[in-house]
Amino acid sequence: MAKTVAPGLLALHPRKDIVVTGSNDHLWKMWALPDGNIIMTGEGHTDWLSGCCFHPSGSQLVTSSGDTTVRIWDCLKRGCILTLEGHAHTVWDCSWHSCGDFVASASMDNTSKIWDVNSERCRYTMCGHKDSVNSIEFLPFSSTVLTSSADKTLSLWDARTGLCVYTFYGHLHSCNHAMFNMKGDTIASCDSSGMMKLWDIRKSVPILSVDAGPHPANQVVFDHSGRIVALASSDGSLKVLQLESGQLSSLRGHGGEVHSVIFDPRDEQLISGGADGTVCLWTRGAAAPCLT
């Protein structure tokens, strides 16, 4: 079963207090933090936005959409400079490689792709998942790509060859999202039943399972220390897990499903986006909805 909500609707600028949001109004918006002033709006997709990610320099943005395309935007020129076409269905997610030359995309057509931005072409189409590919992420400073899928698996891929390196089995429901920690030795994943798992990459086994259901878990992220994991839930809350103590807490402030969550680079704030059209900033348990 393919997922029904999009994950990466938030992207933080790598150097500035700026966040980008995407929505079902076909637009992405760039906001200043924490005041919530709109800096820029991107118009060009013909269907809802599903994912967004900044270029490592912060000068460009990549977005994915239900219109089956991936678009690259120049923040200085304030417009789309490249449209990448090739997926046969909704593109759920997109990720920029740390070198800035390659973009990865994940699609409901059961494939993911590696795009060469400079030559403006698809370098590899990665086939192997048996259902929608719901999220995709590059391991920083590496050729390794991580995907999660509605076929209940996670896979590691070599972006240099387009081949699958390893597949993780253990989820019993559609995997909605997965990501690496900063060290690159652990993966966090979540599924449509609310189950969250942590995986040891070197041993290729799950090391922790946490039931945060029964509502779907839409996105899961590590903080930069790797000691805290946050999860966006369809029950309208954020679940925050302290790995050292095992304490799981809930943060409530959205008026509907929480679709996305990210930590700021200093781990001082947690930022979440919800179906209610708001972005919440969380500091020490206090919610401050400021963007709508």
C-alpha atoms as a PDB file:
ATOM      1  CA  MET A   1       0.000   0.000   0.000  1.00  0.00           C
ATOM      2  CA  ALA A   2       1.466   3.347  -1.035  1.00  0.00           C
ATOM      3  CA  LYS A   3       1.561   6.034   1.561  1.00  0.00           C
ATOM      4  CA  THR A   4      -1.077   8.748   1.637  1.00  0.00           C
ATOM      5  CA  VAL A   5       0.859  11.729   2.978  1.00  0.00           C
ATOM      6  CA  ALA A   6       4.086  13.276   1.814  1.00  0.00           C
ATOM      7  CA  PRO A   7       7.124  13.358   4.110  1.00  0.00           C
ATOM      8  CA  GLY A   8       9.814  15.951   3.460  1.00  0.00           C
ATOM      9  CA  LEU A   9       7.694  19.109   3.377  1.00  0.00           C
ATOM     10  CA  LEU A  10      10.271  21.051   5.381  1.00  0.00           C
ATOM     11  CA  ALA A  11      13.825  22.019   4.458  1.00  0.00           C
ATOM     12  CA  LEU A  12      16.215  24.136   6.498  1.00  0.00           C
ATOM     13  CA  HIS A  13      18.781  26.399   4.878  1.00  0.00           C
ATOM     14  CA  PRO A  14      22.290  25.074   5.668  1.00  0.00           C
ATOM     15  CA  ARG A  15      23.602  28.447   6.877  1.00  0.00           C
ATOM     16  CA  LYS A  16      20.705  30.821   7.520  1.00  0.00           C
ATOM     17  CA  ASP A  17      17.607  30.851   9.725  1.00  0.00           C
ATOM     18  CA  ILE A  18      15.346  30.040   6.796  1.00  0.00           C
ATOM     19  CA  VAL A  19      12.868  27.206   6.282  1.00  0.00           C
ATOM     20  CA  VAL A  20      11.101  26.096   3.102  1.00  0.00           C
ATOM     21  CA  THR A  21       7.667  24.508   3.181  1.00  0.00           C
ATOM     22  CA  GLY A  22       5.696  22.750   0.465  1.00  0.00           C
ATOM     23  CA  SER A  23       1.962  22.262   0.196  1.00  0.00           C
ATOM     24  CA  ASN A  24      -0.934  20.868  -1.812  1.00  0.00           C
ATOM     25  CA  ASP A  25      -1.442  24.347  -3.314  1.00  0.00           C
ATOM     26  CA  HIS A  26       1.370  23.492  -5.791  1.00  0.00           C
ATOM     27  CA  LEU A  27       3.666  26.125  -4.208  1.00  0.00           C
ATOM     28  CA  TRP A  28       6.722  26.159  -2.012  1.00  0.00           C
ATOM     29  CA  LYS A  29       7.402  29.054   0.321  1.00  0.00           C
ATOM     30  CA  MET A  30      10.568  30.305   1.951  1.00  0.00           C
ATOM     31  CA  TRP A  31      10.196  31.781   5.452  1.00  0.00           C
ATOM     32  CA  ALA A  32      12.469  33.685   7.792  1.00  0.00           C
ATOM     33  CA  LEU A  33      12.782  32.268  11.297  1.00  0.00           C
ATOM     34  CA  PRO A  34      11.541  32.927  13.879  1.00  0.00           C
ATOM     35  CA  ASP A  35       9.354  35.854  12.733  1.00  0.00           C
ATOM     36  CA  GLY A  36       7.663  33.929   9.926  1.00  0.00           C
ATOM     37  CA  ASN A  37       8.022  36.535   7.164  1.00  0.00           C
ATOM     38  CA  ILE A  38       7.755  35.129   3.631  1.00  0.00           C
ATOM     39  CA  ILE A  39      10.965  35.644   1.650  1.00  0.00           C
ATOM     40  CA  MET A  40      10.084  33.887  -1.588  1.00  0.00           C
ATOM     41  CA  THR A  41       7.406  31.761  -3.246  1.00  0.00           C
ATOM     42  CA  GLY A  42       8.086  29.143  -5.904  1.00  0.00           C
ATOM     43  CA  GLU A  43       5.428  28.569  -8.568  1.00  0.00           C
ATOM     44  CA  GLY A  44       5.717  26.021 -11.359  1.00  0.00           C
ATOM     45  CA  HIS A  45       4.642  22.570 -10.202  1.00  0.00           C
ATOM     46  CA  THR A  46       1.222  21.519 -11.426  1.00  0.00           C
ATOM     47  CA  ASP A  47       0.356  19.295  -8.460  1.00  0.00           C
ATOM     48  CA  TRP A  48       1.025  19.126  -4.720  1.00  0.00           C
ATOM     49  CA  LEU A  49       4.534  19.377  -3.332  1.00  0.00           C
ATOM     50  CA  SER A  50       5.911  16.241  -1.683  1.00  0.00           C
ATOM     51  CA  GLY A  51       9.554  16.991  -0.855  1.00  0.00           C
ATOM     52  CA  CYS A  52      12.200  19.692  -0.802  1.00  0.00           C
ATOM     53  CA  CYS A  53      15.911  19.871  -0.053  1.00  0.00           C
ATOM     54  CA  PHE A  54      18.504  22.663  -0.172  1.00  0.00           C
ATOM     55  CA  HIS A  55      21.709  22.493  -2.183  1.00  0.00           C
ATOM     56  CA  PRO A  56      24.634  22.177   0.282  1.00  0.00           C
ATOM     57  CA  SER A  57      25.560  25.822  -0.422  1.00  0.00           C
ATOM     58  CA  GLY A  58      21.982  27.000   0.117  1.00  0.00           C
ATOM     59  CA  SER A  59      21.935  28.683  -3.290  1.00  0.00           C
ATOM     60  CA  GLN A  60      19.489  26.260  -4.902  1.00  0.00           C
ATOM     61  CA  LEU A  61      16.517  24.127  -3.925  1.00  0.00           C
ATOM     62  CA  VAL A  62      15.226  20.829  -5.290  1.00  0.00           C
ATOM     63  CA  THR A  63      11.541  19.922  -5.032  1.00  0.00           C
ATOM     64  CA  SER A  64       9.453  16.861  -5.869  1.00  0.00           C
ATOM     65  CA  SER A  65       5.772  16.724  -6.689  1.00  0.00           C
ATOM     66  CA  GLY A  66       2.688  14.732  -7.467  1.00  0.00           C
ATOM     67  CA  ASP A  67       3.083  16.026 -11.035  1.00  0.00           C
ATOM     68  CA  THR A  68       5.835  13.338 -11.524  1.00  0.00           C
ATOM     69  CA  THR A  69       8.637  15.902 -11.876  1.00  0.00           C
ATOM     70  CA  VAL A  70      11.658  17.046  -9.920  1.00  0.00           C
ATOM     71  CA  ARG A  71      12.489  20.742 -10.198  1.00  0.00           C
ATOM     72  CA  ILE A  72      15.594  22.717  -9.338  1.00  0.00           C
ATOM     73  CA  TRP A  73      15.235  26.328  -8.310  1.00  0.00           C
ATOM     74  CA  ASP A  74      17.816  29.114  -8.143  1.00  0.00           C
ATOM     75  CA  CYS A  75      17.258  31.189  -5.022  1.00  0.00           C
ATOM     76  CA  LEU A  76      19.028  34.249  -6.442  1.00  0.00           C
ATOM     77  CA  LYS A  77      17.242  34.123  -9.802  1.00  0.00           C
ATOM     78  CA  ARG A  78      14.030  33.356  -7.885  1.00  0.00           C
ATOM     79  CA  GLY A  79      12.825  30.781 -10.389  1.00  0.00           C
ATOM     80  CA  CYS A  80      12.969  27.226 -11.728  1.00  0.00           C
ATOM     81  CA  ILE A  81      16.114  26.563 -13.755  1.00  0.00           C
ATOM     82  CA  LEU A  82      15.686  22.844 -14.479  1.00  0.00           C
ATOM     83  CA  THR A  83      12.837  20.332 -14.659  1.00  0.00           C
ATOM     84  CA  LEU A  84      13.774  16.648 -14.453  1.00  0.00           C
ATOM     85  CA  GLU A  85      11.255  14.300 -16.060  1.00  0.00           C
ATOM     86  CA  GLY A  86      11.266  10.522 -16.179  1.00  0.00           C
ATOM     87  CA  HIS A  87       9.199   9.140 -13.331  1.00  0.00           C
ATOM     88  CA  ALA A  88       5.895   7.562 -14.308  1.00  0.00           C
ATOM     89  CA  HIS A  89       4.047   8.460 -11.116  1.00  0.00           C
ATOM     90  CA  THR A  90       4.090  10.763  -8.082  1.00  0.00           C
ATOM     91  CA  VAL A  91       7.587  11.651  -6.856  1.00  0.00           C
ATOM     92  CA  TRP A  92       7.440  11.321  -3.076  1.00  0.00           C
ATOM     93  CA  ASP A  93      10.827  12.646  -2.028  1.00  0.00           C
ATOM     94  CA  CYS A  94      14.095  14.179  -3.170  1.00  0.00           C
ATOM     95  CA  SER A  95      17.597  14.570  -1.742  1.00  0.00           C
ATOM     96  CA  TRP A  96      20.715  16.498  -2.725  1.00  0.00           C
ATOM     97  CA  HIS A  97      24.155  14.898  -2.557  1.00  0.00           C
ATOM     98  CA  SER A  98      26.660  16.725  -0.348  1.00  0.00           C
ATOM     99  CA  CYS A  99      28.858  17.534  -3.377  1.00  0.00           C
ATOM    100  CA  GLY A 100      25.947  19.375  -5.009  1.00  0.00           C
ATOM    101  CA  ASP A 101      26.242  17.636  -8.380  1.00  0.00           C
ATOM    102  CA  PHE A 102      23.640  14.905  -7.934  1.00  0.00           C
ATOM    103  CA  VAL A 103      20.010  14.695  -6.879  1.00  0.00           C
ATOM    104  CA  ALA A 104      18.116  11.542  -5.894  1.00  0.00           C
ATOM    105  CA  SER A 105      14.352  11.049  -6.184  1.00  0.00           C
ATOM    106  CA  ALA A 106      11.890   8.419  -4.954  1.00  0.00           C
ATOM    107  CA  SER A 107       8.620   7.649  -6.685  1.00  0.00           C
ATOM    108  CA  MET A 108       5.320   5.850  -6.438  1.00  0.00           C
ATOM    109  CA  ASP A 109       6.362   4.102  -9.690  1.00  0.00           C
ATOM    110  CA  ASN A 110       8.460   1.708  -7.481  1.00  0.00           C
ATOM    111  CA  THR A 111      11.756   3.239  -8.615  1.00  0.00           C
ATOM    112  CA  SER A 112      14.244   5.819  -7.447  1.00  0.00           C
ATOM    113  CA  LYS A 113      16.590   7.804  -9.660  1.00  0.00           C
ATOM    114  CA  ILE A 114      20.003   9.448  -9.504  1.00  0.00           C
ATOM    115  CA  TRP A 115      20.110  12.662 -11.533  1.00  0.00           C
ATOM    116  CA  ASP A 116      23.258  14.367 -12.795  1.00  0.00           C
ATOM    117  CA  VAL A 117      22.448  18.050 -12.383  1.00  0.00           C
ATOM    118  CA  ASN A 118      25.283  19.246 -14.614  1.00  0.00           C
ATOM    119  CA  SER A 119      24.373  17.074 -17.598  1.00  0.00           C
ATOM    120  CA  GLU A 120      20.660  17.432 -16.794  1.00  0.00           C
ATOM    121  CA  ARG A 121      19.969  13.722 -17.221  1.00  0.00           C
ATOM    122  CA  CYS A 122      19.128  10.621 -15.243  1.00  0.00           C
ATOM    123  CA  ARG A 123      22.277   8.657 -14.514  1.00  0.00           C
ATOM    124  CA  TYR A 124      20.629   5.586 -12.956  1.00  0.00           C
ATOM    125  CA  THR A 125      17.158   4.245 -12.333  1.00  0.00           C
ATOM    126  CA  MET A 126      17.257   2.053  -9.237  1.00  0.00           C
ATOM    127  CA  CYS A 127      14.823  -0.856  -9.456  1.00  0.00           C
ATOM    128  CA  GLY A 128      14.188  -3.476  -6.825  1.00  0.00           C
ATOM    129  CA  HIS A 129      11.418  -2.298  -4.547  1.00  0.00           C
ATOM    130  CA  LYS A 130       8.103  -4.007  -5.188  1.00  0.00           C
ATOM    131  CA  ASP A 131       5.933  -1.035  -4.222  1.00  0.00           C
ATOM    132  CA  SER A 132       6.090   2.755  -3.930  1.00  0.00           C
ATOM    133  CA  VAL A 133       9.454   4.208  -2.865  1.00  0.00           C
ATOM    134  CA  ASN A 134       8.460   6.661  -0.162  1.00  0.00           C
ATOM    135  CA  SER A 135      11.682   8.381   0.922  1.00  0.00           C
ATOM    136  CA  ILE A 136      15.269   8.764  -0.208  1.00  0.00           C
ATOM    137  CA  GLU A 137      18.409  10.177   1.373  1.00  0.00           C
ATOM    138  CA  PHE A 138      22.127  10.336   0.619  1.00  0.00           C
ATOM    139  CA  LEU A 139      24.537   9.423   3.381  1.00  0.00           C
ATOM    140  CA  PRO A 140      26.599  12.658   3.670  1.00  0.00           C
ATOM    141  CA  PHE A 141      29.949  12.594   1.852  1.00  0.00           C
ATOM    142  CA  SER A 142      29.221   9.130   0.525  1.00  0.00           C
ATOM    143  CA  SER A 143      27.864   7.364  -2.538  1.00  0.00           C
ATOM    144  CA  THR A 144      25.391   5.426  -0.377  1.00  0.00           C
ATOM    145  CA  VAL A 145      21.662   6.062  -0.817  1.00  0.00           C
ATOM    146  CA  LEU A 146      18.914   4.957   1.588  1.00  0.00           C
ATOM    147  CA  THR A 147      15.337   4.299   0.474  1.00  0.00           C
ATOM    148  CA  SER A 148      12.181   3.251   2.302  1.00  0.00           C
ATOM    149  CA  SER A 149       9.272   1.581   0.578  1.00  0.00           C
ATOM    150  CA  ALA A 150       5.637   0.552   0.845  1.00  0.00           C
ATOM    151  CA  ASP A 151       6.920  -3.017   0.294  1.00  0.00           C
ATOM    152  CA  LYS A 152       7.875  -2.872   4.042  1.00  0.00           C
ATOM    153  CA  THR A 153      11.628  -2.761   3.399  1.00  0.00           C
ATOM    154  CA  LEU A 154      14.554  -0.338   3.500  1.00  0.00           C
ATOM    155  CA  SER A 155      17.371  -0.569   0.990  1.00  0.00           C
ATOM    156  CA  LEU A 156      20.916   0.751   0.651  1.00  0.00           C
ATOM    157  CA  TRP A 157      22.105   1.571  -2.866  1.00  0.00           C
ATOM    158  CA  ASP A 158      25.416   2.489  -4.478  1.00  0.00           C
ATOM    159  CA  ALA A 159      24.842   5.727  -6.397  1.00  0.00           C
ATOM    160  CA  ARG A 160      27.942   5.013  -8.526  1.00  0.00           C
ATOM    161  CA  THR A 161      26.381   1.883 -10.032  1.00  0.00           C
ATOM    162  CA  GLY A 162      22.662   2.168  -9.294  1.00  0.00           C
ATOM    163  CA  LEU A 163      22.727  -1.267  -7.656  1.00  0.00           C
ATOM    164  CA  CYS A 164      21.179  -2.375  -4.375  1.00  0.00           C
ATOM    165  CA  VAL A 165      23.775  -3.150  -1.706  1.00  0.00           C
ATOM    166  CA  TYR A 166      21.547  -4.414   1.094  1.00  0.00           C
ATOM    167  CA  THR A 167      17.867  -4.674   2.045  1.00  0.00           C
ATOM    168  CA  PHE A 168      16.539  -4.511   5.612  1.00  0.00           C
ATOM    169  CA  TYR A 169      13.501  -6.609   6.532  1.00  0.00           C
ATOM    170  CA  GLY A 170      11.502  -6.249   9.737  1.00  0.00           C
ATOM    171  CA  HIS A 171       8.657  -3.787   9.298  1.00  0.00           C
ATOM    172  CA  LEU A 172       5.213  -5.338   8.997  1.00  0.00           C
ATOM    173  CA  HIS A 173       3.645  -2.328   7.269  1.00  0.00           C
ATOM    174  CA  SER A 174       4.514   0.254   4.620  1.00  0.00           C
ATOM    175  CA  CYS A 175       7.741   2.118   5.470  1.00  0.00           C
ATOM    176  CA  ASN A 176       7.015   5.821   5.181  1.00  0.00           C
ATOM    177  CA  HIS A 177      10.440   7.273   5.920  1.00  0.00           C
ATOM    178  CA  ALA A 178      14.029   6.446   6.897  1.00  0.00           C
ATOM    179  CA  MET A 179      17.170   8.444   7.590  1.00  0.00           C
ATOM    180  CA  PHE A 180      20.790   8.112   8.754  1.00  0.00           C
ATOM    181  CA  ASN A 181      22.219   9.550  11.925  1.00  0.00           C
ATOM    182  CA  MET A 182      25.127  11.990  11.533  1.00  0.00           C
ATOM    183  CA  LYS A 183      27.738   9.272  12.135  1.00  0.00           C
ATOM    184  CA  GLY A 184      26.196   7.160   9.414  1.00  0.00           C
ATOM    185  CA  ASP A 185      26.198   3.970  11.482  1.00  0.00           C
ATOM    186  CA  THR A 186      22.510   3.889  12.443  1.00  0.00           C
ATOM    187  CA  ILE A 187      19.234   4.168  10.507  1.00  0.00           C
ATOM    188  CA  ALA A 188      15.880   5.233  11.931  1.00  0.00           C
ATOM    189  CA  SER A 189      12.734   4.181  10.076  1.00  0.00           C
ATOM    190  CA  CYS A 190       8.980   4.402  10.629  1.00  0.00           C
ATOM    191  CA  ASP A 191       5.900   2.829   9.119  1.00  0.00           C
ATOM    192  CA  SER A 192       2.183   3.244   8.551  1.00  0.00           C
ATOM    193  CA  SER A 193       1.275   1.460  11.801  1.00  0.00           C
ATOM    194  CA  GLY A 194       3.318   3.918  13.893  1.00  0.00           C
ATOM    195  CA  MET A 195       6.226   1.531  14.467  1.00  0.00           C
ATOM    196  CA  MET A 196       9.685   3.096  14.677  1.00  0.00           C
ATOM    197  CA  LYS A 197      12.860   1.031  14.323  1.00  0.00           C
ATOM    198  CA  LEU A 198      16.563   1.735  14.718  1.00  0.00           C
ATOM    199  CA  TRP A 199      19.017  -0.350  12.690  1.00  0.00           C
ATOM    200  CA  ASP A 200      22.731  -1.024  13.125  1.00  0.00           C
ATOM    201  CA  ILE A 201      24.132  -0.617   9.611  1.00  0.00           C
ATOM    202  CA  ARG A 202      27.324  -2.589  10.262  1.00  0.00           C
ATOM    203  CA  LYS A 203      25.494  -5.575  11.766  1.00  0.00           C
ATOM    204  CA  SER A 204      22.478  -5.126   9.456  1.00  0.00           C
ATOM    205  CA  VAL A 205      20.012  -5.811  12.278  1.00  0.00           C
ATOM    206  CA  PRO A 206      17.310  -3.837  14.133  1.00  0.00           C
ATOM    207  CA  ILE A 207      18.552  -2.694  17.538  1.00  0.00           C
ATOM    208  CA  LEU A 208      15.383  -1.026  18.818  1.00  0.00           C
ATOM    209  CA  SER A 209      11.660  -1.097  18.042  1.00  0.00           C
ATOM    210  CA  VAL A 210       9.228   1.416  19.510  1.00  0.00           C
ATOM    211  CA  ASP A 211       5.471   1.221  18.994  1.00  0.00           C
ATOM    212  CA  ALA A 212       4.267   4.831  18.626  1.00  0.00           C
ATOM    213  CA  GLY A 213       1.030   3.786  16.913  1.00  0.00           C
ATOM    214  CA  PRO A 214      -1.618   2.939  16.043  1.00  0.00           C
ATOM    215  CA  HIS A 215      -1.689   6.030  13.808  1.00  0.00           C
ATOM    216  CA  PRO A 216       0.801   6.204  10.910  1.00  0.00           C
ATOM    217  CA  ALA A 217       4.269   7.603  11.523  1.00  0.00           C
ATOM    218  CA  ASN A 218       5.107   9.925   8.634  1.00  0.00           C
ATOM    219  CA  GLN A 219       8.701  11.000   9.204  1.00  0.00           C
ATOM    220  CA  VAL A 220      11.489  10.229  11.664  1.00  0.00           C
ATOM    221  CA  VAL A 221      14.661  12.254  12.312  1.00  0.00           C
ATOM    222  CA  PHE A 222      17.761  12.155  14.508  1.00  0.00           C
ATOM    223  CA  ASP A 223      19.076  15.230  16.251  1.00  0.00           C
ATOM    224  CA  HIS A 224      22.690  16.076  15.402  1.00  0.00           C
ATOM    225  CA  SER A 225      24.049  14.344  18.502  1.00  0.00           C
ATOM    226  CA  GLY A 226      22.274  11.110  17.573  1.00  0.00           C
ATOM    227  CA  ARG A 227      20.865  10.817  21.087  1.00  0.00           C
ATOM    228  CA  ILE A 228      17.305  11.979  20.331  1.00  0.00           C
ATOM    229  CA  VAL A 229      14.838  10.794  17.695  1.00  0.00           C
ATOM    230  CA  ALA A 230      11.680  12.700  16.779  1.00  0.00           C
ATOM    231  CA  LEU A 231       8.717  11.260  14.913  1.00  0.00           C
ATOM    232  CA  ALA A 232       5.840  13.009  13.095  1.00  0.00           C
ATOM    233  CA  SER A 233       2.573  11.198  13.760  1.00  0.00           C
ATOM    234  CA  SER A 234      -0.838  11.215  12.122  1.00  0.00           C
ATOM    235  CA  ASP A 235      -2.390  11.433  15.593  1.00  0.00           C
ATOM    236  CA  GLY A 236      -1.489  15.135  15.578  1.00  0.00           C
ATOM    237  CA  SER A 237       1.553  14.866  17.816  1.00  0.00           C
ATOM    238  CA  LEU A 238       5.328  14.690  17.731  1.00  0.00           C
ATOM    239  CA  LYS A 239       6.889  11.749  19.541  1.00  0.00           C
ATOM    240  CA  VAL A 240      10.331  12.450  21.012  1.00  0.00           C
ATOM    241  CA  LEU A 241      12.484   9.517  22.120  1.00  0.00           C
ATOM    242  CA  GLN A 242      15.517   9.966  24.381  1.00  0.00           C
ATOM    243  CA  LEU A 243      17.677   7.028  23.338  1.00  0.00           C
ATOM    244  CA  GLU A 244      19.817   6.893  26.486  1.00  0.00           C
ATOM    245  CA  SER A 245      16.883   6.789  28.919  1.00  0.00           C
ATOM    246  CA  GLY A 246      14.276   5.234  26.635  1.00  0.00           C
ATOM    247  CA  GLN A 247      11.821   7.988  27.579  1.00  0.00           C
ATOM    248  CA  LEU A 248       9.142   8.646  24.958  1.00  0.00           C
ATOM    249  CA  SER A 249       7.205  11.914  25.199  1.00  0.00           C
ATOM    250  CA  SER A 250       4.523  13.565  23.061  1.00  0.00           C
ATOM    251  CA  LEU A 251       4.304  17.196  21.942  1.00  0.00           C
ATOM    252  CA  ARG A 252       0.931  18.542  20.843  1.00  0.00           C
ATOM    253  CA  GLY A 253       0.217  21.810  19.082  1.00  0.00           C
ATOM    254  CA  HIS A 254      -0.971  20.968  15.575  1.00  0.00           C
ATOM    255  CA  GLY A 255      -4.639  20.753  14.732  1.00  0.00           C
ATOM    256  CA  GLY A 256      -4.242  17.730  12.479  1.00  0.00           C
ATOM    257  CA  GLU A 257      -1.777  15.138  11.201  1.00  0.00           C
ATOM    258  CA  VAL A 258       1.902  16.022  11.580  1.00  0.00           C
ATOM    259  CA  HIS A 259       3.597  15.327   8.250  1.00  0.00           C
ATOM    260  CA  SER A 260       7.182  16.413   8.785  1.00  0.00           C
ATOM    261  CA  VAL A 261       9.765  17.226  11.440  1.00  0.00           C
ATOM    262  CA  ILE A 262      13.368  18.487  11.500  1.00  0.00           C
ATOM    263  CA  PHE A 263      15.893  19.638  14.083  1.00  0.00           C
ATOM    264  CA  ASP A 264      17.625  22.973  13.584  1.00  0.00           C
ATOM    265  CA  PRO A 265      21.438  22.747  13.096  1.00  0.00           C
ATOM    266  CA  ARG A 266      22.104  23.708  16.725  1.00  0.00           C
ATOM    267  CA  ASP A 267      19.525  21.253  18.109  1.00  0.00           C
ATOM    268  CA  GLU A 268      17.926  24.178  19.936  1.00  0.00           C
ATOM    269  CA  GLN A 269      14.589  23.874  18.190  1.00  0.00           C
ATOM    270  CA  LEU A 270      12.391  21.210  16.686  1.00  0.00           C
ATOM    271  CA  ILE A 271      10.381  22.301  13.647  1.00  0.00           C
ATOM    272  CA  SER A 272       7.262  20.491  12.475  1.00  0.00           C
ATOM    273  CA  GLY A 273       4.763  20.870   9.653  1.00  0.00           C
ATOM    274  CA  GLY A 274       1.187  19.676   9.756  1.00  0.00           C
ATOM    275  CA  ALA A 275      -1.961  19.119   7.738  1.00  0.00           C
ATOM    276  CA  ASP A 276      -3.457  22.135   9.517  1.00  0.00           C
ATOM    277  CA  GLY A 277      -1.260  24.379   7.364  1.00  0.00           C
ATOM    278  CA  THR A 278       1.011  25.505  10.192  1.00  0.00           C
ATOM    279  CA  VAL A 279       4.677  25.110  11.029  1.00  0.00           C
ATOM    280  CA  CYS A 280       5.465  24.843  14.737  1.00  0.00           C
ATOM    281  CA  LEU A 281       8.730  25.756  16.439  1.00  0.00           C
ATOM    282  CA  TRP A 282       9.359  23.784  19.619  1.00  0.00           C
ATOM    283  CA  THR A 283      11.824  24.902  22.271  1.00  0.00           C
ATOM    284  CA  ARG A 284      12.110  23.023  25.580  1.00  0.00           C
ATOM    285  CA  GLY A 285       8.596  21.661  25.163  1.00  0.00           C
ATOM    286  CA  ALA A 286       6.975  25.001  24.249  1.00  0.00           C
ATOM    287  CA  ALA A 287       5.124  25.208  20.960  1.00  0.00           C
ATOM    288  CA  ALA A 288       5.008  28.428  18.980  1.00  0.00           C
ATOM    289  CA  PRO A 289       2.983  28.031  15.750  1.00  0.00           C
ATOM    290  CA  CYS A 290       4.142  30.907  13.606  1.00  0.00           C
ATOM    291  CA  LEU A 291       3.895  30.047   9.916  1.00  0.00           C
ATOM    292  CA  THR A 292       0.641  29.476   8.102  1.00  0.00           C
END
